[in-house]
Protein backbone atom coordinates (compact mmCIF):
# COMPACT_ATOMS: atom_id res chain seq x y z
CA MET A 1 0.09 -0.05 0.03
CA SER A 2 1.22 3.47 -0.86
CA VAL A 3 2.58 5.69 1.97
CA ARG A 4 -0.34 8.14 1.27
CA PHE A 5 -2.89 5.45 2.26
CA ARG A 6 -0.85 4.22 5.30
CA PHE A 7 -3.47 5.50 7.75
CA LEU A 8 -6.44 3.94 5.64
CA PRO A 9 -7.55 0.57 5.63
CA PRO A 10 -6.68 -1.22 2.37
CA LEU A 11 -10.40 -2.00 1.49
CA ALA A 12 -11.13 1.87 2.03
CA ALA A 13 -8.20 3.07 0.16
CA LYS A 14 -9.00 0.88 -2.92
CA ALA A 15 -12.65 1.97 -2.73
CA LEU A 16 -11.48 5.52 -2.92
CA VAL A 17 -9.20 5.01 -5.72
CA VAL A 18 -12.11 3.37 -7.72
CA GLY A 19 -14.33 6.17 -6.78
CA PHE A 20 -11.77 8.59 -7.99
CA LEU A 21 -11.48 6.69 -11.45
CA MET A 22 -15.24 7.00 -11.85
CA ALA A 23 -15.06 10.64 -11.26
CA VAL A 24 -12.31 10.93 -14.01
CA LEU A 25 -14.27 8.81 -16.45
CA LEU A 26 -17.11 11.61 -16.17
CA LEU A 27 -14.96 13.67 -18.23
CA PRO A 28 -14.88 11.59 -21.54
CA ILE A 29 -18.54 10.71 -21.08
CA ALA A 30 -19.46 14.41 -20.82
CA GLN A 31 -17.27 15.18 -24.08
CA VAL A 32 -19.28 12.41 -25.79
CA GLU A 33 -22.44 13.88 -24.77
CA ASN A 34 -21.26 17.23 -25.87
CA LEU A 35 -20.57 15.63 -29.20
CA VAL A 36 -23.96 14.22 -29.54
CA GLY A 37 -25.43 17.64 -28.89
CA GLU A 38 -22.94 19.14 -31.83
CA ARG A 39 -24.24 16.57 -34.21
CA VAL A 40 -28.05 17.28 -33.32
CA GLY A 41 -27.00 20.90 -34.07
CA MET A 42 -25.69 19.94 -37.43
CA ARG A 43 -28.51 17.89 -38.33
CA ASN A 44 -30.91 20.82 -37.37
CA LEU A 45 -28.92 23.02 -39.77
CA ALA A 46 -29.28 20.42 -42.44
CA ALA A 47 -32.92 20.33 -41.83
CA ALA A 48 -33.07 24.23 -42.09
CA ARG A 49 -31.24 23.88 -45.54
CA VAL A 50 -33.88 21.49 -46.71
CA ALA A 51 -36.68 23.83 -45.50
CA GLU A 52 -34.92 26.63 -47.44
CA SER A 53 -34.86 24.60 -50.78
CA TRP A 54 -37.81 22.27 -50.54
CA GLY A 55 -40.32 23.77 -48.07
CA GLY A 56 -40.59 24.09 -44.29
CA ALA A 57 -43.52 23.39 -41.99
CA GLN A 58 -46.56 24.37 -43.95
CA THR A 59 -49.84 26.20 -42.67
CA THR A 60 -52.39 26.10 -45.53
CA ALA A 61 -56.06 26.05 -46.58
CA ALA A 62 -57.16 29.42 -45.14
CA VAL A 63 -59.67 30.53 -47.58
CA LEU A 64 -61.09 34.07 -47.26
CA LEU A 65 -63.45 36.52 -49.20
CA ALA A 66 -61.88 40.08 -49.27
CA ILE A 67 -64.21 42.87 -50.14
CA PRO A 68 -62.70 46.43 -50.11
CA VAL A 69 -64.94 49.30 -48.47
CA GLU A 70 -64.35 53.06 -49.05
CA THR A 71 -65.89 55.33 -46.63
CA THR A 72 -66.02 59.09 -47.48
CA ARG A 73 -66.68 61.69 -44.99
CA LYS A 74 -66.86 65.66 -45.26
CA VAL A 75 -64.78 67.21 -42.51
CA VAL A 76 -65.33 70.71 -41.60
CA GLU A 77 -62.55 72.63 -39.98
CA GLN A 78 -62.49 76.14 -38.50
CA GLY A 79 -59.25 78.10 -39.14
CA ILE A 80 -57.42 80.65 -36.78
CA ALA A 81 -59.50 83.60 -38.29
CA GLY A 82 -62.81 81.90 -37.75
CA ARG A 83 -63.19 80.79 -41.45
CA GLU A 84 -64.49 77.44 -42.01
CA THR A 85 -63.05 75.12 -44.49
CA GLU A 86 -64.50 71.82 -45.76
CA ARG A 87 -62.38 68.88 -46.96
CA THR A 88 -63.15 65.30 -47.75
CA GLU A 89 -61.47 62.23 -46.22
CA VAL A 90 -61.65 58.80 -47.79
CA GLU A 91 -61.04 55.83 -45.63
CA ARG A 92 -60.43 52.41 -47.22
CA ASN A 93 -61.00 49.17 -45.26
CA VAL A 94 -61.30 45.47 -46.23
CA LEU A 95 -63.94 43.22 -45.20
CA TYR A 96 -62.80 39.71 -44.69
CA VAL A 97 -65.33 36.90 -44.69
CA LEU A 98 -65.07 33.33 -43.85
CA PRO A 99 -66.79 30.43 -45.69
CA ASP A 100 -70.03 28.82 -44.36
CA THR A 101 -68.80 25.44 -45.46
CA LEU A 102 -65.07 24.19 -45.99
CA ASN A 103 -64.06 20.80 -46.89
CA ILE A 104 -60.48 19.62 -47.36
CA VAL A 105 -59.11 16.23 -48.54
CA ALA A 106 -55.32 15.99 -48.36
CA ASP A 107 -52.93 13.04 -49.19
CA ALA A 108 -49.35 13.53 -48.09
CA GLU A 109 -46.70 11.55 -49.80
CA PRO A 110 -43.54 11.27 -47.37
CA SER A 111 -40.03 10.90 -48.41
CA TYR A 112 -36.58 12.06 -47.23
CA ARG A 113 -34.10 14.76 -48.38
CA THR A 114 -30.52 14.29 -47.46
CA VAL A 115 -27.85 17.08 -46.86
CA GLY A 116 -24.37 15.29 -46.14
CA LEU A 117 -25.03 12.52 -43.26
CA TYR A 118 -28.35 13.94 -42.51
CA ARG A 119 -31.71 13.18 -43.84
CA THR A 120 -34.99 15.22 -43.26
CA PRO A 121 -38.46 13.93 -43.56
CA VAL A 122 -40.24 15.87 -46.19
CA TYR A 123 -43.61 15.53 -48.04
CA LEU A 124 -45.48 16.41 -51.25
CA ALA A 125 -49.13 17.13 -50.27
CA HIS A 126 -52.10 17.09 -52.62
CA VAL A 127 -54.78 19.18 -51.17
CA GLN A 128 -58.33 19.35 -52.49
CA ILE A 129 -60.43 22.31 -51.08
CA GLU A 130 -64.14 22.97 -51.84
CA GLY A 131 -66.69 25.02 -49.85
CA SER A 132 -69.05 27.91 -50.31
CA PHE A 133 -69.75 31.51 -48.86
CA VAL A 134 -73.13 32.48 -48.14
CA ASN A 135 -74.76 35.84 -48.94
CA ARG A 136 -75.88 36.84 -45.49
CA ASP A 137 -72.44 37.04 -44.00
CA PHE A 138 -71.54 40.00 -46.18
CA GLY A 139 -75.08 40.99 -47.63
CA PHE A 140 -75.47 43.92 -45.10
CA LEU A 141 -72.92 45.77 -47.26
CA LEU A 142 -75.64 45.78 -50.10
CA ASP A 143 -77.25 48.41 -48.02
CA SER A 144 -75.15 51.28 -48.06
CA PRO A 145 -77.17 54.32 -46.56
CA GLN A 146 -76.07 57.79 -47.14
CA THR A 147 -75.91 59.97 -43.86
CA ALA A 148 -75.18 63.50 -43.41
CA GLY A 149 -71.63 64.12 -44.37
CA GLN A 150 -70.77 60.43 -44.90
CA SER A 151 -71.26 57.71 -47.73
CA ARG A 152 -69.96 54.08 -48.23
CA GLU A 153 -69.10 52.64 -51.38
CA VAL A 154 -68.46 48.87 -51.65
CA LYS A 155 -65.68 47.92 -54.41
CA TRP A 156 -67.55 44.87 -55.77
CA ASP A 157 -65.35 44.58 -58.52
CA GLU A 158 -62.15 44.47 -56.58
CA ALA A 159 -63.55 41.54 -54.49
CA ARG A 160 -61.16 38.79 -54.34
CA LEU A 161 -60.87 35.21 -52.94
CA LEU A 162 -57.85 34.71 -50.84
CA VAL A 163 -56.12 31.20 -50.51
CA LEU A 164 -53.51 31.50 -47.63
CA ASN A 165 -50.35 29.43 -47.29
CA SER A 166 -47.46 29.96 -45.20
CA GLU A 167 -44.91 30.07 -47.77
CA SER A 168 -45.46 31.10 -51.57
CA ARG A 169 -42.39 28.82 -52.76
CA ALA A 170 -44.09 25.64 -51.14
CA LEU A 171 -46.91 25.97 -53.79
CA ARG A 172 -45.83 23.53 -56.59
CA ALA A 173 -49.09 23.83 -58.45
CA VAL A 174 -52.61 25.44 -58.31
CA ASP A 175 -55.15 23.54 -60.47
CA GLU A 176 -58.91 23.63 -61.27
CA LEU A 177 -59.36 26.87 -59.32
CA GLN A 178 -62.79 27.92 -59.70
CA VAL A 179 -65.31 30.52 -58.07
CA ALA A 180 -68.91 30.67 -58.55
CA GLY A 181 -68.40 28.15 -61.56
CA GLU A 182 -65.81 30.33 -63.30
CA SER A 183 -62.15 30.24 -63.78
CA ALA A 184 -60.05 33.33 -63.47
CA PRO A 185 -56.36 34.07 -63.37
CA VAL A 186 -54.49 33.40 -60.20
CA ALA A 187 -52.29 36.15 -58.85
CA ALA A 188 -49.80 36.29 -55.87
CA ASP A 189 -51.20 37.72 -52.67
CA GLY A 190 -50.76 37.66 -49.07
CA TYR A 191 -52.38 38.62 -45.81
CA ALA A 192 -51.78 38.41 -41.97
CA GLY A 193 -48.07 37.42 -42.43
CA SER A 194 -48.90 34.68 -44.72
CA ALA A 195 -48.35 34.33 -48.52
CA GLY A 196 -50.78 32.93 -50.97
CA ILE A 197 -52.92 33.50 -54.02
CA SER A 198 -56.12 35.31 -55.08
CA VAL A 199 -58.49 35.30 -57.58
CA ARG A 200 -61.38 38.00 -58.73
CA VAL A 201 -64.80 37.04 -57.58
CA PRO A 202 -67.65 37.72 -60.19
CA ARG A 203 -69.70 40.67 -59.14
CA ALA A 204 -72.85 38.98 -60.07
CA ALA A 205 -72.07 36.22 -57.63
CA LEU A 206 -71.71 38.30 -54.81
CA ARG A 207 -74.83 40.59 -55.42
CA ASP A 208 -77.25 38.23 -56.82
CA GLY A 209 -76.60 34.86 -55.74
CA ALA A 210 -77.34 33.06 -52.37
CA THR A 211 -73.86 31.19 -52.27
CA VAL A 212 -70.62 31.54 -53.67
CA PRO A 213 -69.08 28.37 -54.21
CA PHE A 214 -65.38 27.75 -54.95
CA SER A 215 -63.01 24.69 -55.35
CA MET A 216 -59.35 24.05 -56.23
CA LYS A 217 -56.55 21.52 -56.02
CA LEU A 218 -53.14 22.63 -54.43
CA THR A 219 -49.79 20.78 -54.57
CA LEU A 220 -47.62 21.72 -51.51
CA ALA A 221 -44.11 20.74 -50.74
CA GLY A 222 -43.08 20.98 -46.97
CA SER A 223 -41.14 19.18 -44.30
CA SER A 224 -41.72 18.18 -40.78
CA GLN A 225 -45.29 19.45 -40.31
CA ILE A 226 -48.28 20.35 -42.15
CA THR A 227 -51.19 22.40 -40.45
CA PHE A 228 -54.72 23.24 -41.90
CA LEU A 229 -56.60 26.31 -40.96
CA PRO A 230 -60.33 25.14 -40.60
CA LEU A 231 -61.58 28.82 -40.78
CA ALA A 232 -65.45 28.33 -41.70
CA ARG A 233 -68.72 28.10 -39.94
CA LYS A 234 -68.40 24.25 -40.46
CA ALA A 235 -65.06 22.79 -41.50
CA ASP A 236 -64.24 19.09 -42.38
CA ILE A 237 -60.71 18.00 -42.93
CA ARG A 238 -59.67 14.38 -43.89
CA MET A 239 -55.88 13.52 -44.48
CA GLN A 240 -54.01 10.28 -45.16
CA SER A 241 -50.35 9.67 -45.58
CA ARG A 242 -48.00 6.60 -45.58
CA TRP A 243 -46.03 8.10 -42.71
CA PRO A 244 -46.47 5.59 -39.77
CA HIS A 245 -45.67 8.12 -37.00
CA PRO A 246 -48.09 10.91 -37.10
CA LYS A 247 -48.12 13.16 -34.05
CA PHE A 248 -51.60 15.15 -34.05
CA GLU A 249 -51.25 18.97 -33.52
CA GLY A 250 -53.86 21.42 -32.50
CA ALA A 251 -57.38 21.37 -31.04
CA PRO A 252 -59.88 19.85 -31.35
CA ALA A 253 -58.12 16.55 -31.70
CA PRO A 254 -58.90 14.27 -34.87
CA LEU A 255 -62.07 12.00 -34.74
CA ASP A 256 -61.20 8.30 -34.59
CA PRO A 257 -57.63 8.38 -36.20
CA VAL A 258 -56.23 5.04 -37.70
CA VAL A 259 -52.40 4.62 -37.39
CA THR A 260 -50.81 1.55 -38.68
CA ASP A 261 -47.27 0.69 -39.83
CA ASP A 262 -48.60 1.57 -43.55
CA GLY A 263 -49.60 5.14 -42.46
CA PHE A 264 -52.42 6.82 -41.09
CA THR A 265 -55.97 8.44 -41.74
CA ALA A 266 -57.52 11.07 -39.68
CA ARG A 267 -60.44 13.39 -39.70
CA TRP A 268 -61.07 16.80 -38.03
CA SER A 269 -64.56 18.45 -37.90
CA VAL A 270 -64.52 22.03 -36.47
CA LEU A 271 -67.20 24.54 -35.96
CA GLU A 272 -67.44 28.23 -35.70
CA ILE A 273 -68.02 27.77 -32.07
CA ASN A 274 -64.66 26.23 -31.59
CA ARG A 275 -62.84 29.50 -32.02
CA SER A 276 -62.77 32.66 -30.43
CA PHE A 277 -63.94 35.11 -33.43
CA GLY A 278 -66.69 35.49 -35.78
CA GLN A 279 -67.27 34.95 -39.47
CA TYR A 280 -66.01 38.29 -40.72
CA TRP A 281 -63.90 41.26 -39.51
CA TYR A 282 -62.39 44.40 -40.79
CA ASP A 283 -58.59 44.89 -41.76
CA THR A 284 -56.15 43.11 -39.50
CA GLN A 285 -58.02 42.60 -36.18
CA VAL A 286 -60.45 39.92 -35.83
CA ASN A 287 -61.62 41.24 -32.32
CA GLN A 288 -60.58 44.49 -30.54
CA GLY A 289 -57.06 43.76 -29.41
CA GLU A 290 -56.78 40.37 -31.31
CA PRO A 291 -54.41 40.53 -34.30
CA VAL A 292 -55.34 37.99 -37.15
CA GLU A 293 -51.96 36.38 -36.86
CA GLN A 294 -52.47 35.17 -33.52
CA ALA A 295 -56.10 34.19 -33.93
CA PHE A 296 -55.00 32.00 -36.91
CA ALA A 297 -52.00 30.36 -34.95
CA ARG A 298 -54.38 29.32 -32.33
CA SER A 299 -56.95 27.77 -34.89
CA GLY A 300 -54.63 25.40 -36.70
CA VAL A 301 -54.90 21.46 -36.74
CA GLY A 302 -52.58 19.13 -38.44
CA VAL A 303 -49.94 16.64 -38.36
CA THR A 304 -46.09 16.57 -37.34
CA PHE A 305 -44.25 13.82 -39.01
CA TYR A 306 -42.52 12.43 -36.03
CA GLU A 307 -39.79 10.21 -35.69
CA PRO A 308 -40.29 8.58 -32.47
CA VAL A 309 -36.53 7.46 -31.51
CA ASP A 310 -34.20 8.92 -34.14
CA VAL A 311 -30.38 8.15 -34.03
CA TYR A 312 -29.38 10.92 -31.86
CA GLN A 313 -32.07 10.49 -29.39
CA ARG A 314 -30.94 6.72 -28.84
CA ASN A 315 -27.29 8.22 -28.66
CA TYR A 316 -28.45 10.77 -25.89
CA ARG A 317 -30.16 8.04 -24.05
CA ALA A 318 -27.22 5.72 -24.16
CA VAL A 319 -24.91 8.29 -22.68
CA HIS A 320 -27.27 8.76 -19.99
CA TYR A 321 -26.86 5.17 -18.91
CA ALA A 322 -22.96 5.44 -19.07
CA VAL A 323 -22.29 6.35 -15.60
CA LEU A 324 -24.71 3.48 -14.33
CA LEU A 325 -22.87 0.78 -16.58
CA ILE A 326 -19.45 2.05 -15.43
CA VAL A 327 -20.59 2.05 -11.84
CA ILE A 328 -22.05 -1.48 -12.19
CA THR A 329 -18.81 -2.93 -13.79
CA PHE A 330 -16.43 -1.22 -11.40
CA LEU A 331 -18.75 -2.56 -8.30
CA THR A 332 -18.58 -5.93 -9.80
CA PHE A 333 -14.80 -5.92 -10.21
CA PHE A 334 -14.36 -4.54 -6.80
CA LEU A 335 -16.22 -7.22 -5.09
CA TRP A 336 -14.77 -9.94 -7.15
CA GLU A 337 -11.27 -8.70 -6.46
CA HIS A 338 -11.59 -8.59 -2.55
CA VAL A 339 -13.76 -11.74 -2.41
CA SER A 340 -11.72 -13.85 -4.55
CA GLY A 341 -8.29 -12.47 -3.69
CA LEU A 342 -7.37 -11.51 -7.35
CA ALA A 343 -5.56 -8.09 -7.45
CA ILE A 344 -6.68 -5.73 -10.17
CA HIS A 345 -4.58 -2.52 -10.31
CA GLY A 346 -6.22 0.96 -10.46
CA MET A 347 -4.74 1.50 -13.93
CA GLN A 348 -6.45 -1.74 -15.04
CA TYR A 349 -9.55 -0.18 -13.75
CA LEU A 350 -8.92 2.92 -15.71
CA MET A 351 -8.26 0.97 -18.92
CA VAL A 352 -11.51 -0.93 -18.50
CA GLY A 353 -13.27 2.48 -17.85
CA LEU A 354 -11.93 4.05 -20.96
CA ALA A 355 -12.96 1.28 -23.27
CA LEU A 356 -16.45 1.37 -21.61
CA ALA A 357 -16.44 5.13 -22.53
CA LEU A 358 -15.17 4.66 -25.90
CA PHE A 359 -18.22 2.42 -26.74
CA TYR A 360 -20.60 5.44 -26.85
CA LEU A 361 -18.21 7.47 -29.30
CA LEU A 362 -18.01 4.33 -31.42
CA LEU A 363 -21.74 4.19 -31.28
CA LEU A 364 -22.45 7.46 -32.33
CA ALA A 365 -20.02 7.42 -35.23
CA LEU A 366 -21.25 4.04 -36.69
CA SER A 367 -24.86 5.10 -36.16
CA GLU A 368 -24.19 8.04 -38.56
CA HIS A 369 -23.41 5.46 -41.36
CA LEU A 370 -25.27 2.38 -40.34
CA SER A 371 -28.71 1.40 -38.92
CA PHE A 372 -28.65 1.91 -35.04
CA ASP A 373 -29.15 -1.70 -34.53
CA LEU A 374 -26.16 -2.81 -36.25
CA ALA A 375 -23.95 -0.11 -35.16
CA TYR A 376 -24.98 -0.92 -31.72
CA GLY A 377 -24.15 -4.70 -32.31
CA LEU A 378 -20.85 -3.89 -33.66
CA SER A 379 -19.87 -1.52 -31.03
CA ALA A 380 -20.99 -3.44 -28.10
CA GLY A 381 -19.55 -6.74 -29.66
CA ALA A 382 -16.09 -4.95 -30.14
CA LEU A 383 -16.26 -3.66 -26.67
CA VAL A 384 -16.97 -6.98 -25.04
CA ALA A 385 -14.22 -8.78 -27.19
CA LEU A 386 -11.72 -6.09 -26.09
CA ILE A 387 -12.53 -6.31 -22.40
CA THR A 388 -12.62 -10.00 -22.53
CA ALA A 389 -9.21 -10.33 -24.15
CA TYR A 390 -7.78 -7.72 -21.78
CA LEU A 391 -9.14 -9.39 -18.65
CA SER A 392 -7.75 -12.65 -19.72
CA GLY A 393 -4.21 -11.33 -19.20
CA VAL A 394 -5.10 -9.40 -16.09
CA LEU A 395 -6.73 -12.21 -14.51
CA ARG A 396 -4.54 -14.95 -16.04
CA SER A 397 -7.52 -17.14 -16.82
CA LEU A 398 -9.60 -17.37 -19.82
CA ARG A 399 -12.48 -18.87 -18.02
CA LEU A 400 -12.98 -15.98 -15.76
CA ALA A 401 -12.43 -13.45 -18.51
CA LEU A 402 -15.09 -15.08 -20.46
CA GLY A 403 -17.52 -15.07 -17.50
CA ALA A 404 -16.74 -11.43 -17.08
CA GLY A 405 -17.38 -10.94 -20.88
CA ALA A 406 -20.54 -12.96 -20.53
CA GLY A 407 -21.66 -10.50 -17.94
CA LEU A 408 -20.89 -7.52 -19.79
CA ALA A 409 -22.56 -8.73 -22.90
CA THR A 410 -25.96 -9.29 -20.79
CA LEU A 411 -25.80 -5.60 -19.62
CA TYR A 412 -25.38 -4.48 -23.07
CA VAL A 413 -28.10 -6.58 -24.35
CA MET A 414 -30.36 -5.16 -21.50
CA LEU A 415 -29.26 -1.47 -22.60
CA TYR A 416 -30.24 -2.36 -26.23
CA TRP A 417 -33.77 -3.24 -25.21
CA ILE A 418 -34.02 -0.18 -23.00
CA LEU A 419 -32.98 2.03 -25.98
CA ARG A 420 -35.31 0.35 -28.38
CA SER A 421 -38.46 0.85 -26.13
CA GLU A 422 -39.93 4.39 -25.90
CA ASP A 423 -42.76 4.01 -23.34
CA TYR A 424 -41.26 1.52 -21.02
CA SER A 425 -37.47 2.83 -21.02
CA LEU A 426 -37.65 4.15 -17.45
CA LEU A 427 -39.19 1.05 -16.05
CA MET A 428 -36.80 -1.26 -17.64
CA GLY A 429 -33.89 0.94 -16.53
CA ALA A 430 -35.22 0.78 -12.94
CA LEU A 431 -35.56 -3.02 -13.11
CA LEU A 432 -32.28 -3.40 -14.54
CA LEU A 433 -30.57 -1.54 -11.71
CA PHE A 434 -32.72 -3.43 -9.15
CA ALA A 435 -31.80 -6.70 -10.65
CA VAL A 436 -28.07 -6.03 -10.66
CA LEU A 437 -27.96 -4.82 -7.29
CA THR A 438 -30.11 -7.57 -6.02
CA ILE A 439 -27.43 -10.03 -7.69
CA LEU A 440 -24.41 -8.47 -5.96
CA MET A 441 -26.22 -8.07 -2.71
CA ILE A 442 -27.29 -11.87 -2.63
CA ALA A 443 -23.75 -12.92 -3.95
CA THR A 444 -21.94 -11.00 -1.15
CA ARG A 445 -24.47 -11.49 1.80
CA ARG A 446 -22.22 -14.04 3.57
CA VAL A 447 -18.89 -12.00 3.03
CA ASP A 448 -17.38 -10.86 6.44
CA TRP A 449 -15.77 -7.50 5.11
CA SER A 450 -13.90 -6.85 8.18
CA ARG A 451 -11.91 -10.14 7.78
CA VAL A 452 -11.29 -9.25 3.96
CA SER A 453 -10.06 -5.79 5.21
CA GLY A 454 -7.84 -7.59 7.91
CA ARG A 455 -6.45 -10.16 5.47
CA GLU A 456 -5.33 -7.42 3.03
CA SER A 457 -3.74 -5.34 5.88
CA ARG A 458 -1.87 -8.61 6.83
CA ASP A 459 -0.88 -9.17 3.07
């Protein structure tokens, strides 16, 4: 025993050495965890590049009727000399009206776009939209009473149908757009921070018809998420996709969604009473103090193309179990050493610990090029083989080294199943820890540690 530990019992001194080595190994483990975070950041940058070129998260299917209204007022002002002057003010407002019915049918074709090592889920969505406006929601404009000093003029010829989408570049095609049974040229437009398209609405349909029907087909390119704005008195949305892991967003929740390994189908039914604003408003506020952007943001429903446990999430979770596996391995060696009488030097503890830490770096590197399952198998197999070969020399017994290797392999098989499970990982991790502790306690329940320590002192 070193002179620095001459006042400590040998067992306590060795425990301090092992504990110090565990603390030292936290440094490479922390470096690996930071590296995983760095790779996640690079993956996010790659996803941002895909969103810039292909299309990002899309919010679509907001259909509005925009009718300009001009109010003319005569204002009489009195000058300094008491002379009255009259001038005319013209105020222009836009009335925005929501449809009475809105039916949306969407089919999103998922795929991946790759930037370097990183791939991002993208989709090409075919969205069919149809519905109708009813005259009673804007019919009050037909009565434009003249009052003293004020008159109102409705610009029926400038009325337009707006179809909003979060990004204009995401629109790949607009087909079969009809309003009141007529086709018209499509122009770029926008409103409330969203891009989109617009088309002129026939004057006769607004003034003479009871309803203004519309229909269209949109093709959208996006990534990660698609959101629909069910802005109508009654909106019905149906969506399907081959993506097997949807995460439904917004409220209300979809009615009876069906999710299988082959994809999903979902349906939303949204009523006017499910939102906080009415069927029409002027300009940029749906209610007093409530901007249109905020109201729209709270109204969306849709789907995130979710990857339940991706490569980096699994690597993060694996690193979080690193300390536990090192503690279990060192504790087993420590008990084995002092019960069997086989001496294991502190440097040999450190070598085994570094090999355990290197496993997570190897796993991260391989999982970026191979499937996670194969990367895990290769990393764990290489680690177990390395430690087994090393222990065969340390313990001078192939049988004992194979036993230690088998125990280590069992630990990594258990860790693999923990990482594969999303819902039960905490339960399985707790059960693993309890099982290992139970085995160690039962195996050493008859050990007289005072005699072990005394024997080492005499040695």
